Amino acid sequence: MKGKERAYLKSLANNIDPLIQVGKNGVTEAFLIQLDKLLEDHELVKIRVLKNSPVMAREIVEEILDKTGAEFVQQIGNKLTIYRESQEKKKIEL
């Protein structure tokens, strides 16, 4: 992903709320299945890592990206933003 594309996605992410949370169970199979569906439906997904989560946001970025095939956009505090182009419902044009 190029710098201008990432900057564009960051600007879009400013206006969205987190769609999914990582809680006390951490990154589970059910979480990844739900995240995969959200990526297909929305392409740009913001994830909130709750305070009771056993992992920090920066610790799970690589695992989430590896298992979903998404690309990292940004991290601000305990919120991560990731992007993956939808196969069927393409909304964001880079």
C-alpha atoms as a PDB file:
ATOM      1  CA  MET A   1       0.000   0.000   0.000  1.00  0.00           C
ATOM      2  CA  LYS A   2       1.321   3.416  -0.948  1.00  0.00           C
ATOM      3  CA  GLY A   3       1.513   6.408   1.371  1.00  0.00           C
ATOM      4  CA  LYS A   4      -1.275   8.334  -0.346  1.00  0.00           C
ATOM      5  CA  GLU A   5      -3.569   5.291  -0.242  1.00  0.00           C
ATOM      6  CA  ARG A   6      -2.891   4.849   3.484  1.00  0.00           C
ATOM      7  CA  ALA A   7      -3.516   8.570   4.102  1.00  0.00           C
ATOM      8  CA  TYR A   8      -6.838   8.317   2.229  1.00  0.00           C
ATOM      9  CA  LEU A   9      -7.879   5.291   4.305  1.00  0.00           C
ATOM     10  CA  LYS A  10      -6.911   7.107   7.511  1.00  0.00           C
ATOM     11  CA  SER A  11      -9.142  10.010   6.519  1.00  0.00           C
ATOM     12  CA  LEU A  12     -12.043   7.599   5.950  1.00  0.00           C
ATOM     13  CA  ALA A  13     -11.354   5.867   9.283  1.00  0.00           C
ATOM     14  CA  ASN A  14     -11.754   9.141  11.203  1.00  0.00           C
ATOM     15  CA  ASN A  15     -15.511   8.982  10.699  1.00  0.00           C
ATOM     16  CA  ILE A  16     -16.153   5.345  11.603  1.00  0.00           C
ATOM     17  CA  ASP A  17     -16.657   3.705  14.987  1.00  0.00           C
ATOM     18  CA  PRO A  18     -15.040   0.404  15.994  1.00  0.00           C
ATOM     19  CA  LEU A  19     -17.074  -2.494  14.579  1.00  0.00           C
ATOM     20  CA  ILE A  20     -15.511  -5.275  16.652  1.00  0.00           C
ATOM     21  CA  GLN A  21     -13.744  -5.650  19.979  1.00  0.00           C
ATOM     22  CA  VAL A  22     -10.972  -7.850  21.353  1.00  0.00           C
ATOM     23  CA  GLY A  23     -12.008  -8.736  24.894  1.00  0.00           C
ATOM     24  CA  LYS A  24     -10.806 -10.945  27.709  1.00  0.00           C
ATOM     25  CA  ASN A  25     -10.538 -14.016  25.455  1.00  0.00           C
ATOM     26  CA  GLY A  26      -8.082 -12.316  23.102  1.00  0.00           C
ATOM     27  CA  VAL A  27      -7.995 -13.218  19.410  1.00  0.00           C
ATOM     28  CA  THR A  28     -10.178 -16.313  19.052  1.00  0.00           C
ATOM     29  CA  GLU A  29     -11.352 -18.293  16.037  1.00  0.00           C
ATOM     30  CA  ALA A  30     -14.848 -16.794  16.416  1.00  0.00           C
ATOM     31  CA  PHE A  31     -13.354 -13.282  16.465  1.00  0.00           C
ATOM     32  CA  LEU A  32     -11.412 -13.985  13.256  1.00  0.00           C
ATOM     33  CA  ILE A  33     -14.513 -15.383  11.503  1.00  0.00           C
ATOM     34  CA  GLN A  34     -16.530 -12.298  12.430  1.00  0.00           C
ATOM     35  CA  LEU A  35     -13.670  -9.979  11.432  1.00  0.00           C
ATOM     36  CA  ASP A  36     -13.375 -11.726   8.057  1.00  0.00           C
ATOM     37  CA  LYS A  37     -17.085 -11.114   7.396  1.00  0.00           C
ATOM     38  CA  LEU A  38     -16.777  -7.465   8.461  1.00  0.00           C
ATOM     39  CA  LEU A  39     -13.823  -6.965   6.117  1.00  0.00           C
ATOM     40  CA  GLU A  40     -15.804  -8.438   3.235  1.00  0.00           C
ATOM     41  CA  ASP A  41     -18.814  -6.209   4.004  1.00  0.00           C
ATOM     42  CA  HIS A  42     -17.051  -2.942   4.916  1.00  0.00           C
ATOM     43  CA  GLU A  43     -13.433  -3.239   3.647  1.00  0.00           C
ATOM     44  CA  LEU A  44     -12.217  -0.717   6.259  1.00  0.00           C
ATOM     45  CA  VAL A  45     -12.630  -1.981   9.832  1.00  0.00           C
ATOM     46  CA  LYS A  46     -11.727  -0.364  13.125  1.00  0.00           C
ATOM     47  CA  ILE A  47     -10.993  -2.738  16.032  1.00  0.00           C
ATOM     48  CA  ARG A  48     -11.079  -1.761  19.705  1.00  0.00           C
ATOM     49  CA  VAL A  49      -8.853  -3.665  22.130  1.00  0.00           C
ATOM     50  CA  LEU A  50     -10.554  -3.552  25.526  1.00  0.00           C
ATOM     51  CA  LYS A  51      -8.655  -2.899  28.751  1.00  0.00           C
ATOM     52  CA  ASN A  52      -9.497  -6.398  30.061  1.00  0.00           C
ATOM     53  CA  SER A  53      -7.908  -8.023  27.007  1.00  0.00           C
ATOM     54  CA  PRO A  54      -4.857 -10.191  27.796  1.00  0.00           C
ATOM     55  CA  VAL A  55      -2.977  -8.605  24.865  1.00  0.00           C
ATOM     56  CA  MET A  56      -2.085  -5.073  23.859  1.00  0.00           C
ATOM     57  CA  ALA A  57      -3.165  -3.658  20.488  1.00  0.00           C
ATOM     58  CA  ARG A  58       0.376  -3.619  19.059  1.00  0.00           C
ATOM     59  CA  GLU A  59       0.870  -7.292  20.048  1.00  0.00           C
ATOM     60  CA  ILE A  60      -2.007  -8.623  17.953  1.00  0.00           C
ATOM     61  CA  VAL A  61      -1.575  -6.587  14.765  1.00  0.00           C
ATOM     62  CA  GLU A  62       0.633  -9.139  12.979  1.00  0.00           C
ATOM     63  CA  GLU A  63      -1.564 -12.080  13.985  1.00  0.00           C
ATOM     64  CA  ILE A  64      -4.713 -10.378  12.708  1.00  0.00           C
ATOM     65  CA  LEU A  65      -3.059  -9.330   9.441  1.00  0.00           C
ATOM     66  CA  ASP A  66      -1.624 -12.817   8.845  1.00  0.00           C
ATOM     67  CA  LYS A  67      -4.899 -14.616   9.476  1.00  0.00           C
ATOM     68  CA  THR A  68      -7.183 -12.235   7.570  1.00  0.00           C
ATOM     69  CA  GLY A  69      -4.954 -11.132   4.693  1.00  0.00           C
ATOM     70  CA  ALA A  70      -5.720  -7.508   5.553  1.00  0.00           C
ATOM     71  CA  GLU A  71      -3.373  -4.527   5.462  1.00  0.00           C
ATOM     72  CA  PHE A  72      -2.515  -2.305   8.411  1.00  0.00           C
ATOM     73  CA  VAL A  73      -3.769   1.271   8.150  1.00  0.00           C
ATOM     74  CA  GLN A  74      -3.154   2.789  11.584  1.00  0.00           C
ATOM     75  CA  GLN A  75      -3.133   2.348  15.335  1.00  0.00           C
ATOM     76  CA  ILE A  76      -4.218   5.063  17.714  1.00  0.00           C
ATOM     77  CA  GLY A  77      -4.104   4.051  21.360  1.00  0.00           C
ATOM     78  CA  ASN A  78      -6.143   0.888  21.782  1.00  0.00           C
ATOM     79  CA  LYS A  79      -7.796   1.112  18.343  1.00  0.00           C
ATOM     80  CA  LEU A  80      -6.524  -0.568  15.171  1.00  0.00           C
ATOM     81  CA  THR A  81      -7.691   0.132  11.658  1.00  0.00           C
ATOM     82  CA  ILE A  82      -7.230  -2.467   8.921  1.00  0.00           C
ATOM     83  CA  TYR A  83      -8.231  -2.687   5.266  1.00  0.00           C
ATOM     84  CA  ARG A  84      -8.877  -5.520   2.847  1.00  0.00           C
ATOM     85  CA  GLU A  85     -10.417  -5.122  -0.579  1.00  0.00           C
ATOM     86  CA  SER A  86     -13.785  -6.851  -0.842  1.00  0.00           C
ATOM     87  CA  GLN A  87     -14.180  -9.608  -3.409  1.00  0.00           C
ATOM     88  CA  GLU A  88     -17.851  -8.907  -4.156  1.00  0.00           C
ATOM     89  CA  LYS A  89     -18.889  -5.599  -2.541  1.00  0.00           C
ATOM     90  CA  LYS A  90     -16.073  -3.227  -3.465  1.00  0.00           C
ATOM     91  CA  LYS A  91     -16.834   0.216  -1.971  1.00  0.00           C
ATOM     92  CA  ILE A  92     -13.479   1.966  -1.525  1.00  0.00           C
ATOM     93  CA  GLU A  93     -11.564   2.957  -4.643  1.00  0.00           C
ATOM     94  CA  LEU A  94      -7.826   3.438  -4.039  1.00  0.00           C
END
